[in-house]
PDB file of N, CA and C in Angstrom:
ATOM      1  N   MET A   1     111.541 347.790 172.755  1.00  0.00           N
ATOM      2  CA  MET A   1     111.242 346.752 173.735  1.00  0.00           C
ATOM      3  C   MET A   1     110.795 345.451 173.054  1.00  0.00           C
ATOM      4  N   ARG A   2     110.762 345.465 171.720  1.00  0.00           N
ATOM      5  CA  ARG A   2     110.351 344.261 170.993  1.00  0.00           C
ATOM      6  C   ARG A   2     111.246 343.071 171.355  1.00  0.00           C
ATOM      7  N   GLU A   3     112.550 343.330 171.504  1.00  0.00           N
ATOM      8  CA  GLU A   3     113.485 342.252 171.836  1.00  0.00           C
ATOM      9  C   GLU A   3     113.206 341.683 173.226  1.00  0.00           C
ATOM     10  N   VAL A   4     112.863 342.559 174.159  1.00  0.00           N
ATOM     11  CA  VAL A   4     112.547 342.096 175.518  1.00  0.00           C
ATOM     12  C   VAL A   4     111.286 341.234 175.482  1.00  0.00           C
ATOM     13  N   ALA A   5     110.297 341.652 174.724  1.00  0.00           N
ATOM     14  CA  ALA A   5     109.062 340.879 174.588  1.00  0.00           C
ATOM     15  C   ALA A   5     109.358 339.486 174.032  1.00  0.00           C
ATOM     16  N   GLN A   6     110.196 339.441 173.007  1.00  0.00           N
ATOM     17  CA  GLN A   6     110.562 338.142 172.416  1.00  0.00           C
ATOM     18  C   GLN A   6     111.320 337.279 173.415  1.00  0.00           C
ATOM     19  N   ARG A   7     112.230 337.899 174.164  1.00  0.00           N
ATOM     20  CA  ARG A   7     113.012 337.136 175.146  1.00  0.00           C
ATOM     21  C   ARG A   7     112.101 336.598 176.249  1.00  0.00           C
ATOM     22  N   MET A   8     111.120 337.400 176.667  1.00  0.00           N
ATOM     23  CA  MET A   8     110.186 336.936 177.700  1.00  0.00           C
ATOM     24  C   MET A   8     109.405 335.719 177.200  1.00  0.00           C
ATOM     25  N   ARG A   9     108.962 335.784 175.964  1.00  0.00           N
ATOM     26  CA  ARG A   9     108.222 334.666 175.379  1.00  0.00           C
ATOM     27  C   ARG A   9     109.119 333.420 175.282  1.00  0.00           C
ATOM     28  N   LEU A  10     110.341 333.607 174.799  1.00  0.00           N
ATOM     29  CA  LEU A  10     111.269 332.476 174.661  1.00  0.00           C
ATOM     30  C   LEU A  10     111.561 331.820 176.009  1.00  0.00           C
ATOM     31  N   LEU A  11     111.736 332.634 177.031  1.00  0.00           N
ATOM     32  CA  LEU A  11     111.993 332.071 178.360  1.00  0.00           C
ATOM     33  C   LEU A  11     110.810 331.224 178.823  1.00  0.00           C
ATOM     34  N   ARG A  12     109.627 331.763 178.673  1.00  0.00           N
ATOM     35  CA  ARG A  12     108.427 331.015 179.099  1.00  0.00           C
ATOM     36  C   ARG A  12     108.275 329.733 178.297  1.00  0.00           C
ATOM     37  N   GLU A  13     108.433 329.842 176.986  1.00  0.00           N
ATOM     38  CA  GLU A  13     108.266 328.667 176.128  1.00  0.00           C
ATOM     39  C   GLU A  13     109.370 327.634 176.341  1.00  0.00           C
ATOM     40  N   SER A  14     110.533 328.080 176.788  1.00  0.00           N
ATOM     41  CA  SER A  14     111.649 327.154 176.996  1.00  0.00           C
ATOM     42  C   SER A  14     111.346 326.108 178.066  1.00  0.00           C
ATOM     43  N   ILE A  15     110.456 326.452 178.983  1.00  0.00           N
ATOM     44  CA  ILE A  15     110.083 325.467 180.010  1.00  0.00           C
ATOM     45  C   ILE A  15     108.643 324.995 179.832  1.00  0.00           C
ATOM     46  N   LYS A  16     108.058 325.330 178.678  1.00  0.00           N
ATOM     47  CA  LYS A  16     106.718 324.863 178.304  1.00  0.00           C
ATOM     48  C   LYS A  16     105.676 325.169 179.375  1.00  0.00           C
ATOM     49  N   ILE A  17     105.668 326.412 179.805  1.00  0.00           N
ATOM     50  CA  ILE A  17     104.693 326.828 180.807  1.00  0.00           C
ATOM     51  C   ILE A  17     103.704 327.784 180.134  1.00  0.00           C
ATOM     52  N   PRO A  18     102.425 327.578 180.330  1.00  0.00           N
ATOM     53  CA  PRO A  18     101.444 328.479 179.710  1.00  0.00           C
ATOM     54  C   PRO A  18     101.449 329.861 180.375  1.00  0.00           C
ATOM     55  N   GLN A  19     100.990 330.835 179.625  1.00  0.00           N
ATOM     56  CA  GLN A  19     100.933 332.199 180.150  1.00  0.00           C
ATOM     57  C   GLN A  19     100.145 332.271 181.450  1.00  0.00           C
ATOM     58  N   VAL A  20      99.063 331.532 181.502  1.00  0.00           N
ATOM     59  CA  VAL A  20      98.196 331.583 182.685  1.00  0.00           C
ATOM     60  C   VAL A  20      98.942 331.105 183.941  1.00  0.00           C
ATOM     61  N   LYS A  21      99.735 330.065 183.811  1.00  0.00           N
ATOM     62  CA  LYS A  21     100.496 329.531 184.951  1.00  0.00           C
ATOM     63  C   LYS A  21     101.609 330.504 185.342  1.00  0.00           C
ATOM     64  N   LEU A  22     102.299 331.073 184.337  1.00  0.00           N
ATOM     65  CA  LEU A  22     103.360 332.036 184.625  1.00  0.00           C
ATOM     66  C   LEU A  22     102.783 333.270 185.316  1.00  0.00           C
ATOM     67  N   ALA A  23     101.623 333.713 184.865  1.00  0.00           N
ATOM     68  CA  ALA A  23     100.964 334.862 185.495  1.00  0.00           C
ATOM     69  C   ALA A  23     100.647 334.564 186.955  1.00  0.00           C
ATOM     70  N   GLU A  24     100.159 333.377 187.204  1.00  0.00           N
ATOM     71  CA  GLU A  24      99.829 332.966 188.567  1.00  0.00           C
ATOM     72  C   GLU A  24     101.083 332.975 189.445  1.00  0.00           C
ATOM     73  N   LEU A  25     102.166 332.421 188.941  1.00  0.00           N
ATOM     74  CA  LEU A  25     103.421 332.357 189.700  1.00  0.00           C
ATOM     75  C   LEU A  25     104.019 333.737 189.955  1.00  0.00           C
ATOM     76  N   SER A  26     103.886 334.620 188.965  1.00  0.00           N
ATOM     77  CA  SER A  26     104.524 335.935 189.065  1.00  0.00           C
ATOM     78  C   SER A  26     103.651 336.992 189.729  1.00  0.00           C
ATOM     79  N   GLY A  27     102.400 336.650 189.996  1.00  0.00           N
ATOM     80  CA  GLY A  27     101.491 337.626 190.599  1.00  0.00           C
ATOM     81  C   GLY A  27     100.938 338.603 189.588  1.00  0.00           C
ATOM     82  N   SER A  28     100.903 338.181 188.339  1.00  0.00           N
ATOM     83  CA  SER A  28     100.395 339.019 187.266  1.00  0.00           C
ATOM     84  C   SER A  28      99.108 338.398 186.732  1.00  0.00           C
ATOM     85  N   THR A  29      98.670 338.854 185.573  1.00  0.00           N
ATOM     86  CA  THR A  29      97.500 338.250 184.935  1.00  0.00           C
ATOM     87  C   THR A  29      97.916 337.702 183.578  1.00  0.00           C
ATOM     88  N   GLN A  30      97.148 336.750 183.072  1.00  0.00           N
ATOM     89  CA  GLN A  30      97.447 336.158 181.768  1.00  0.00           C
ATOM     90  C   GLN A  30      97.395 337.218 180.682  1.00  0.00           C
ATOM     91  N   SER A  31      96.432 338.117 180.773  1.00  0.00           N
ATOM     92  CA  SER A  31      96.318 339.158 179.744  1.00  0.00           C
ATOM     93  C   SER A  31      97.519 340.105 179.781  1.00  0.00           C
ATOM     94  N   SER A  32      98.039 340.388 180.957  1.00  0.00           N
ATOM     95  CA  SER A  32      99.229 341.239 181.063  1.00  0.00           C
ATOM     96  C   SER A  32     100.439 340.545 180.453  1.00  0.00           C
ATOM     97  N   ILE A  33     100.632 339.274 180.780  1.00  0.00           N
ATOM     98  CA  ILE A  33     101.754 338.513 180.217  1.00  0.00           C
ATOM     99  C   ILE A  33     101.640 338.502 178.695  1.00  0.00           C
ATOM    100  N   ASN A  34     100.444 338.310 178.188  1.00  0.00           N
ATOM    101  CA  ASN A  34     100.224 338.305 176.750  1.00  0.00           C
ATOM    102  C   ASN A  34     100.609 339.655 176.127  1.00  0.00           C
ATOM    103  N   ARG A  35     100.209 340.743 176.767  1.00  0.00           N
ATOM    104  CA  ARG A  35     100.548 342.078 176.245  1.00  0.00           C
ATOM    105  C   ARG A  35     102.051 342.322 176.284  1.00  0.00           C
ATOM    106  N   TYR A  36     102.724 341.865 177.352  1.00  0.00           N
ATOM    107  CA  TYR A  36     104.185 342.045 177.430  1.00  0.00           C
ATOM    108  C   TYR A  36     104.884 341.256 176.324  1.00  0.00           C
ATOM    109  N   GLU A  37     104.446 340.014 176.127  1.00  0.00           N
ATOM    110  CA  GLU A  37     105.076 339.145 175.130  1.00  0.00           C
ATOM    111  C   GLU A  37     104.804 339.596 173.695  1.00  0.00           C
ATOM    112  N   ASN A  38     103.741 340.347 173.503  1.00  0.00           N
ATOM    113  CA  ASN A  38     103.412 340.849 172.164  1.00  0.00           C
ATOM    114  C   ASN A  38     103.809 342.313 171.984  1.00  0.00           C
ATOM    115  N   ASP A  39     104.602 342.808 172.907  1.00  0.00           N
ATOM    116  CA  ASP A  39     105.139 344.167 172.857  1.00  0.00           C
ATOM    117  C   ASP A  39     104.051 345.232 172.754  1.00  0.00           C
ATOM    118  N   GLN A  40     102.946 344.981 173.445  1.00  0.00           N
ATOM    119  CA  GLN A  40     101.857 345.958 173.477  1.00  0.00           C
ATOM    120  C   GLN A  40     101.956 346.855 174.701  1.00  0.00           C
ATOM    121  N   THR A  41     102.649 346.367 175.721  1.00  0.00           N
ATOM    122  CA  THR A  41     102.829 347.097 176.976  1.00  0.00           C
ATOM    123  C   THR A  41     104.236 346.820 177.484  1.00  0.00           C
ATOM    124  N   VAL A  42     104.824 347.803 178.120  1.00  0.00           N
ATOM    125  CA  VAL A  42     106.157 347.632 178.704  1.00  0.00           C
ATOM    126  C   VAL A  42     106.006 346.969 180.075  1.00  0.00           C
ATOM    127  N   PRO A  43     106.699 345.854 180.298  1.00  0.00           N
ATOM    128  CA  PRO A  43     106.586 345.182 181.599  1.00  0.00           C
ATOM    129  C   PRO A  43     107.249 346.006 182.700  1.00  0.00           C
ATOM    130  N   PRO A  44     106.686 345.956 183.903  1.00  0.00           N
ATOM    131  CA  PRO A  44     107.300 346.696 185.008  1.00  0.00           C
ATOM    132  C   PRO A  44     108.635 346.057 185.407  1.00  0.00           C
ATOM    133  N   LEU A  45     109.513 346.858 185.957  1.00  0.00           N
ATOM    134  CA  LEU A  45     110.833 346.391 186.374  1.00  0.00           C
ATOM    135  C   LEU A  45     110.721 345.236 187.371  1.00  0.00           C
ATOM    136  N   GLU A  46     109.753 345.307 188.267  1.00  0.00           N
ATOM    137  CA  GLU A  46     109.590 344.243 189.262  1.00  0.00           C
ATOM    138  C   GLU A  46     109.357 342.892 188.584  1.00  0.00           C
ATOM    139  N   LEU A  47     108.580 342.897 187.501  1.00  0.00           N
ATOM    140  CA  LEU A  47     108.316 341.646 186.789  1.00  0.00           C
ATOM    141  C   LEU A  47     109.578 341.157 186.081  1.00  0.00           C
ATOM    142  N   LEU A  48     110.330 342.078 185.497  1.00  0.00           N
ATOM    143  CA  LEU A  48     111.566 341.687 184.828  1.00  0.00           C
ATOM    144  C   LEU A  48     112.568 341.098 185.826  1.00  0.00           C
ATOM    145  N   LEU A  49     112.627 341.679 187.005  1.00  0.00           N
ATOM    146  CA  LEU A  49     113.483 341.122 188.062  1.00  0.00           C
ATOM    147  C   LEU A  49     112.994 339.730 188.458  1.00  0.00           C
ATOM    148  N   TRP A  50     111.690 339.563 188.536  1.00  0.00           N
ATOM    149  CA  TRP A  50     111.131 338.252 188.860  1.00  0.00           C
ATOM    150  C   TRP A  50     111.514 337.239 187.783  1.00  0.00           C
ATOM    151  N   TYR A  51     111.405 337.625 186.514  1.00  0.00           N
ATOM    152  CA  TYR A  51     111.809 336.746 185.406  1.00  0.00           C
ATOM    153  C   TYR A  51     113.269 336.331 185.561  1.00  0.00           C
ATOM    154  N   ALA A  52     114.137 337.304 185.840  1.00  0.00           N
ATOM    155  CA  ALA A  52     115.563 337.008 185.984  1.00  0.00           C
ATOM    156  C   ALA A  52     115.783 335.974 187.090  1.00  0.00           C
ATOM    157  N   ASP A  53     115.101 336.142 188.208  1.00  0.00           N
ATOM    158  CA  ASP A  53     115.246 335.189 189.314  1.00  0.00           C
ATOM    159  C   ASP A  53     114.615 333.840 188.973  1.00  0.00           C
ATOM    160  N   TYR A  54     113.414 333.863 188.455  1.00  0.00           N
ATOM    161  CA  TYR A  54     112.689 332.621 188.182  1.00  0.00           C
ATOM    162  C   TYR A  54     113.394 331.776 187.124  1.00  0.00           C
ATOM    163  N   PHE A  55     113.852 332.412 186.057  1.00  0.00           N
ATOM    164  CA  PHE A  55     114.489 331.674 184.971  1.00  0.00           C
ATOM    165  C   PHE A  55     116.001 331.571 185.151  1.00  0.00           C
ATOM    166  N   ASP A  56     116.508 332.149 186.235  1.00  0.00           N
ATOM    167  CA  ASP A  56     117.934 332.117 186.563  1.00  0.00           C
ATOM    168  C   ASP A  56     118.781 332.651 185.410  1.00  0.00           C
ATOM    169  N   VAL A  57     118.418 333.849 184.964  1.00  0.00           N
ATOM    170  CA  VAL A  57     119.155 334.534 183.903  1.00  0.00           C
ATOM    171  C   VAL A  57     119.443 335.963 184.376  1.00  0.00           C
ATOM    172  N   SER A  58     120.316 336.631 183.667  1.00  0.00           N
ATOM    173  CA  SER A  58     120.632 338.014 184.028  1.00  0.00           C
ATOM    174  C   SER A  58     119.677 338.980 183.327  1.00  0.00           C
ATOM    175  N   LEU A  59     119.618 340.178 183.856  1.00  0.00           N
ATOM    176  CA  LEU A  59     118.838 341.219 183.181  1.00  0.00           C
ATOM    177  C   LEU A  59     119.486 341.591 181.849  1.00  0.00           C
ATOM    178  N   ASP A  60     120.801 341.457 181.751  1.00  0.00           N
ATOM    179  CA  ASP A  60     121.468 341.675 180.464  1.00  0.00           C
ATOM    180  C   ASP A  60     120.901 340.732 179.415  1.00  0.00           C
ATOM    181  N   TYR A  61     120.631 339.514 179.809  1.00  0.00           N
ATOM    182  CA  TYR A  61     120.058 338.526 178.888  1.00  0.00           C
ATOM    183  C   TYR A  61     118.631 338.920 178.507  1.00  0.00           C
ATOM    184  N   ILE A  62     117.827 339.284 179.488  1.00  0.00           N
ATOM    185  CA  ILE A  62     116.445 339.681 179.217  1.00  0.00           C
ATOM    186  C   ILE A  62     116.398 340.908 178.309  1.00  0.00           C
ATOM    187  N   PHE A  63     117.307 341.851 178.531  1.00  0.00           N
ATOM    188  CA  PHE A  63     117.346 343.066 177.723  1.00  0.00           C
ATOM    189  C   PHE A  63     118.128 342.886 176.423  1.00  0.00           C
ATOM    190  N   CYS A  64     118.502 341.642 176.128  1.00  0.00           N
ATOM    191  CA  CYS A  64     119.181 341.290 174.865  1.00  0.00           C
ATOM    192  C   CYS A  64     120.516 342.006 174.687  1.00  0.00           C
ATOM    193  N   ARG A  65     121.160 342.311 175.787  1.00  0.00           N
ATOM    194  CA  ARG A  65     122.499 342.886 175.696  1.00  0.00           C
ATOM    195  C   ARG A  65     123.529 341.789 175.472  1.00  0.00           C
ATOM    196  N   THR A  66     123.116 340.545 175.708  1.00  0.00           N
ATOM    197  CA  THR A  66     123.977 339.391 175.506  1.00  0.00           C
ATOM    198  C   THR A  66     123.104 338.176 175.227  1.00  0.00           C
ATOM    199  N   ASP A  67     123.681 337.188 174.581  1.00  0.00           N
ATOM    200  CA  ASP A  67     122.966 335.931 174.368  1.00  0.00           C
ATOM    201  C   ASP A  67     123.369 334.885 175.394  1.00  0.00           C
ATOM    202  N   LYS A  68     124.189 335.284 176.341  1.00  0.00           N
ATOM    203  CA  LYS A  68     124.603 334.382 177.422  1.00  0.00           C
ATOM    204  C   LYS A  68     123.635 334.571 178.587  1.00  0.00           C
ATOM    205  N   PRO A  69     122.919 333.536 178.973  1.00  0.00           N
ATOM    206  CA  PRO A  69     121.959 333.696 180.077  1.00  0.00           C
ATOM    207  C   PRO A  69     122.583 334.200 181.375  1.00  0.00           C
ATOM    208  N   GLN A  70     123.847 333.874 181.612  1.00  0.00           N
ATOM    209  CA  GLN A  70     124.486 334.339 182.840  1.00  0.00           C
ATOM    210  C   GLN A  70     124.859 335.808 182.773  1.00  0.00           C
ATOM    211  N   GLY A  71     124.719 336.428 181.612  1.00  0.00           N
ATOM    212  CA  GLY A  71     124.977 337.858 181.484  1.00  0.00           C
ATOM    213  C   GLY A  71     126.363 338.170 180.990  1.00  0.00           C
ATOM    214  N   LYS A  72     126.644 339.445 180.950  1.00  0.00           N
ATOM    215  CA  LYS A  72     127.974 339.891 180.563  1.00  0.00           C
ATOM    216  C   LYS A  72     128.879 339.780 181.776  1.00  0.00           C
ATOM    217  N   LEU A  73     129.992 339.162 181.571  1.00  0.00           N
ATOM    218  CA  LEU A  73     130.957 339.051 182.656  1.00  0.00           C
ATOM    219  C   LEU A  73     132.149 339.916 182.309  1.00  0.00           C
ATOM    220  N   TYR A  74     132.456 340.797 183.214  1.00  0.00           N
ATOM    221  CA  TYR A  74     133.584 341.682 183.002  1.00  0.00           C
ATOM    222  C   TYR A  74     134.749 341.173 183.822  1.00  0.00           C
ATOM    223  N   ASN A  75     135.859 340.959 183.162  1.00  0.00           N
ATOM    224  CA  ASN A  75     137.062 340.492 183.845  1.00  0.00           C
ATOM    225  C   ASN A  75     137.963 341.685 184.105  1.00  0.00           C
ATOM    226  N   PHE A  76     138.093 342.008 185.364  1.00  0.00           N
ATOM    227  CA  PHE A  76     138.964 343.111 185.735  1.00  0.00           C
ATOM    228  C   PHE A  76     140.383 342.581 185.867  1.00  0.00           C
ATOM    229  N   VAL A  77     141.292 343.185 185.157  1.00  0.00           N
ATOM    230  CA  VAL A  77     142.700 342.824 185.253  1.00  0.00           C
ATOM    231  C   VAL A  77     143.424 344.071 185.728  1.00  0.00           C
ATOM    232  N   PRO A  78     143.934 344.016 186.959  1.00  0.00           N
ATOM    233  CA  PRO A  78     144.618 345.209 187.456  1.00  0.00           C
ATOM    234  C   PRO A  78     145.862 345.505 186.625  1.00  0.00           C
ATOM    235  N   GLN A  79     146.110 346.769 186.432  1.00  0.00           N
ATOM    236  CA  GLN A  79     147.297 347.179 185.682  1.00  0.00           C
ATOM    237  C   GLN A  79     148.503 347.144 186.611  1.00  0.00           C
ATOM    238  N   TYR A  80     149.547 346.517 186.142  1.00  0.00           N
ATOM    239  CA  TYR A  80     150.778 346.454 186.921  1.00  0.00           C
ATOM    240  C   TYR A  80     151.546 347.752 186.755  1.00  0.00           C
ATOM    241  N   SER A  81     152.103 348.203 187.843  1.00  0.00           N
ATOM    242  CA  SER A  81     152.948 349.379 187.814  1.00  0.00           C
ATOM    243  C   SER A  81     154.186 349.071 188.647  1.00  0.00           C
ATOM    244  N   HIS A  82     155.350 349.400 188.127  1.00  0.00           N
ATOM    245  CA  HIS A  82     156.597 349.107 188.847  1.00  0.00           C
ATOM    246  C   HIS A  82     156.672 349.854 190.171  1.00  0.00           C
ATOM    247  N   ASP A  83     155.938 350.949 190.325  1.00  0.00           N
ATOM    248  CA  ASP A  83     155.988 351.686 191.576  1.00  0.00           C
ATOM    249  C   ASP A  83     154.809 351.372 192.497  1.00  0.00           C
ATOM    250  N   ASN A  84     154.083 350.301 192.243  1.00  0.00           N
ATOM    251  CA  ASN A  84     152.969 349.893 193.102  1.00  0.00           C
ATOM    252  C   ASN A  84     153.527 349.058 194.251  1.00  0.00           C
ATOM    253  N   GLU A  85     153.645 349.675 195.414  1.00  0.00           N
ATOM    254  CA  GLU A  85     154.259 349.015 196.569  1.00  0.00           C
ATOM    255  C   GLU A  85     153.457 347.798 197.045  1.00  0.00           C
ATOM    256  N   GLN A  86     152.137 347.880 197.028  1.00  0.00           N
ATOM    257  CA  GLN A  86     151.324 346.749 197.471  1.00  0.00           C
ATOM    258  C   GLN A  86     151.552 345.533 196.579  1.00  0.00           C
ATOM    259  N   PHE A  87     151.661 345.762 195.294  1.00  0.00           N
ATOM    260  CA  PHE A  87     151.885 344.655 194.377  1.00  0.00           C
ATOM    261  C   PHE A  87     153.269 344.053 194.596  1.00  0.00           C
ATOM    262  N   LYS A  88     154.254 344.898 194.818  1.00  0.00           N
ATOM    263  CA  LYS A  88     155.610 344.401 195.100  1.00  0.00           C
ATOM    264  C   LYS A  88     155.605 343.539 196.360  1.00  0.00           C
ATOM    265  N   GLN A  89     154.926 344.004 197.391  1.00  0.00           N
ATOM    266  CA  GLN A  89     154.854 343.236 198.645  1.00  0.00           C
ATOM    267  C   GLN A  89     154.149 341.899 198.417  1.00  0.00           C
ATOM    268  N   PHE A  90     153.087 341.924 197.630  1.00  0.00           N
ATOM    269  CA  PHE A  90     152.365 340.685 197.318  1.00  0.00           C
ATOM    270  C   PHE A  90     153.289 339.683 196.628  1.00  0.00           C
ATOM    271  N   ILE A  91     154.025 340.146 195.639  1.00  0.00           N
ATOM    272  CA  ILE A  91     154.940 339.252 194.919  1.00  0.00           C
ATOM    273  C   ILE A  91     156.005 338.704 195.859  1.00  0.00           C
ATOM    274  N   GLU A  92     156.531 339.549 196.719  1.00  0.00           N
ATOM    275  CA  GLU A  92     157.557 339.095 197.667  1.00  0.00           C
ATOM    276  C   GLU A  92     157.019 338.001 198.592  1.00  0.00           C
ATOM    277  N   MET A  93     155.760 338.118 198.996  1.00  0.00           N
ATOM    278  CA  MET A  93     155.168 337.124 199.898  1.00  0.00           C
ATOM    279  C   MET A  93     154.921 335.792 199.197  1.00  0.00           C
ATOM    280  N   CYS A  94     154.809 335.813 197.893  1.00  0.00           N
ATOM    281  CA  CYS A  94     154.484 334.600 197.143  1.00  0.00           C
ATOM    282  C   CYS A  94     155.657 333.634 196.980  1.00  0.00           C
ATOM    283  N   PHE A  95     156.849 334.112 197.191  1.00  0.00           N
ATOM    284  CA  PHE A  95     158.012 333.293 196.879  1.00  0.00           C
ATOM    285  C   PHE A  95     158.944 333.134 198.070  1.00  0.00           C
ATOM    286  N   ASP A  96     159.602 332.016 198.079  1.00  0.00           N
ATOM    287  CA  ASP A  96     160.573 331.704 199.123  1.00  0.00           C
ATOM    288  C   ASP A  96     161.899 332.362 198.747  1.00  0.00           C
ATOM    289  N   PRO A  97     162.363 333.325 199.546  1.00  0.00           N
ATOM    290  CA  PRO A  97     163.592 334.035 199.212  1.00  0.00           C
ATOM    291  C   PRO A  97     164.821 333.124 199.140  1.00  0.00           C
ATOM    292  N   SER A  98     164.763 331.987 199.825  1.00  0.00           N
ATOM    293  CA  SER A  98     165.924 331.099 199.816  1.00  0.00           C
ATOM    294  C   SER A  98     165.985 330.216 198.570  1.00  0.00           C
ATOM    295  N   SER A  99     164.935 330.253 197.768  1.00  0.00           N
ATOM    296  CA  SER A  99     164.901 329.443 196.555  1.00  0.00           C
ATOM    297  C   SER A  99     165.832 330.031 195.498  1.00  0.00           C
ATOM    298  N   PRO A 100     166.605 329.163 194.820  1.00  0.00           N
ATOM    299  CA  PRO A 100     167.478 329.670 193.758  1.00  0.00           C
ATOM    300  C   PRO A 100     166.680 330.222 192.566  1.00  0.00           C
ATOM    301  N   MET A 101     165.425 329.857 192.447  1.00  0.00           N
ATOM    302  CA  MET A 101     164.568 330.306 191.334  1.00  0.00           C
ATOM    303  C   MET A 101     163.741 331.541 191.697  1.00  0.00           C
ATOM    304  N   ASN A 102     163.921 332.062 192.895  1.00  0.00           N
ATOM    305  CA  ASN A 102     163.107 333.163 193.388  1.00  0.00           C
ATOM    306  C   ASN A 102     163.033 334.339 192.406  1.00  0.00           C
ATOM    307  N   ASP A 103     164.181 334.855 192.007  1.00  0.00           N
ATOM    308  CA  ASP A 103     164.198 336.023 191.117  1.00  0.00           C
ATOM    309  C   ASP A 103     163.560 335.712 189.772  1.00  0.00           C
ATOM    310  N   LYS A 104     163.841 334.513 189.234  1.00  0.00           N
ATOM    311  CA  LYS A 104     163.295 334.129 187.933  1.00  0.00           C
ATOM    312  C   LYS A 104     161.763 334.017 188.006  1.00  0.00           C
ATOM    313  N   LEU A 105     161.257 333.403 189.085  1.00  0.00           N
ATOM    314  CA  LEU A 105     159.813 333.257 189.246  1.00  0.00           C
ATOM    315  C   LEU A 105     159.124 334.615 189.388  1.00  0.00           C
ATOM    316  N   LYS A 106     159.718 335.507 190.169  1.00  0.00           N
ATOM    317  CA  LYS A 106     159.137 336.844 190.332  1.00  0.00           C
ATOM    318  C   LYS A 106     159.102 337.580 189.001  1.00  0.00           C
ATOM    319  N   GLN A 107     160.197 337.510 188.262  1.00  0.00           N
ATOM    320  CA  GLN A 107     160.248 338.189 186.975  1.00  0.00           C
ATOM    321  C   GLN A 107     159.200 337.627 186.011  1.00  0.00           C
ATOM    322  N   THR A 108     159.036 336.294 186.020  1.00  0.00           N
ATOM    323  CA  THR A 108     158.044 335.657 185.152  1.00  0.00           C
ATOM    324  C   THR A 108     156.637 336.129 185.510  1.00  0.00           C
ATOM    325  N   LEU A 109     156.328 336.215 186.796  1.00  0.00           N
ATOM    326  CA  LEU A 109     155.013 336.686 187.241  1.00  0.00           C
ATOM    327  C   LEU A 109     154.782 338.121 186.795  1.00  0.00           C
ATOM    328  N   ILE A 110     155.755 338.962 186.958  1.00  0.00           N
ATOM    329  CA  ILE A 110     155.625 340.366 186.546  1.00  0.00           C
ATOM    330  C   ILE A 110     155.381 340.452 185.042  1.00  0.00           C
ATOM    331  N   GLU A 111     156.098 339.659 184.259  1.00  0.00           N
ATOM    332  CA  GLU A 111     155.910 339.662 182.814  1.00  0.00           C
ATOM    333  C   GLU A 111     154.510 339.184 182.429  1.00  0.00           C
ATOM    334  N   MET A 112     154.027 338.154 183.122  1.00  0.00           N
ATOM    335  CA  MET A 112     152.680 337.645 182.844  1.00  0.00           C
ATOM    336  C   MET A 112     151.629 338.714 183.129  1.00  0.00           C
ATOM    337  N   VAL A 113     151.753 339.364 184.259  1.00  0.00           N
ATOM    338  CA  VAL A 113     150.781 340.381 184.641  1.00  0.00           C
ATOM    339  C   VAL A 113     150.855 341.566 183.695  1.00  0.00           C
ATOM    340  N   THR A 114     152.046 341.963 183.347  1.00  0.00           N
ATOM    341  CA  THR A 114     152.227 343.097 182.443  1.00  0.00           C
ATOM    342  C   THR A 114     151.629 342.805 181.073  1.00  0.00           C
ATOM    343  N   LYS A 115     151.871 341.635 180.547  1.00  0.00           N
ATOM    344  CA  LYS A 115     151.323 341.270 179.237  1.00  0.00           C
ATOM    345  C   LYS A 115     149.809 341.143 179.293  1.00  0.00           C
ATOM    346  N   GLY A 116     149.280 340.596 180.396  1.00  0.00           N
ATOM    347  CA  GLY A 116     147.823 340.471 180.546  1.00  0.00           C
ATOM    348  C   GLY A 116     147.142 341.816 180.561  1.00  0.00           C
ATOM    349  N   GLY A 117     147.760 342.800 181.191  1.00  0.00           N
ATOM    350  CA  GLY A 117     147.192 344.140 181.240  1.00  0.00           C
ATOM    351  C   GLY A 117     147.266 344.862 179.920  1.00  0.00           C
ATOM    352  N   GLU A 118     148.313 344.573 179.106  1.00  0.00           N
ATOM    353  CA  GLU A 118     148.476 345.246 177.828  1.00  0.00           C
ATOM    354  C   GLU A 118     147.490 344.762 176.784  1.00  0.00           C
ATOM    355  N   SER A 119     146.982 343.518 176.923  1.00  0.00           N
ATOM    356  CA  SER A 119     146.073 342.982 175.906  1.00  0.00           C
ATOM    357  C   SER A 119     144.657 343.511 176.058  1.00  0.00           C
ATOM    358  N   GLN A 120     144.389 344.258 177.081  1.00  0.00           N
ATOM    359  CA  GLN A 120     143.044 344.784 177.321  1.00  0.00           C
ATOM    360  C   GLN A 120     142.704 345.873 176.374  1.00  0.00           C
TER     361      GLN A 120
END
């Protein structure tokens, strides 16, 4: 939990707020904040959630799972399958059948989606 303690201290210091003021805002005590920041006591989950909201960061950031304050972002890319009827219907709705480029555009979209799924 040493990393969490350091992150809590860095967050507080980043806005130049004293422990006593942060304790007042969070409903804690200055001595408790001091113990959390010095890794003497494990902070309760409720306080960590409060930190995430107050400092507008993710719990992933507080727990040092990432250095991005917004947290880890997972990009879901659906896998294309030639027998996926819903996907076929979606592609058909996207294009004007009377267009001379219809087939070429559909094929290009399928190739883009297929390649995007393979790079995962």
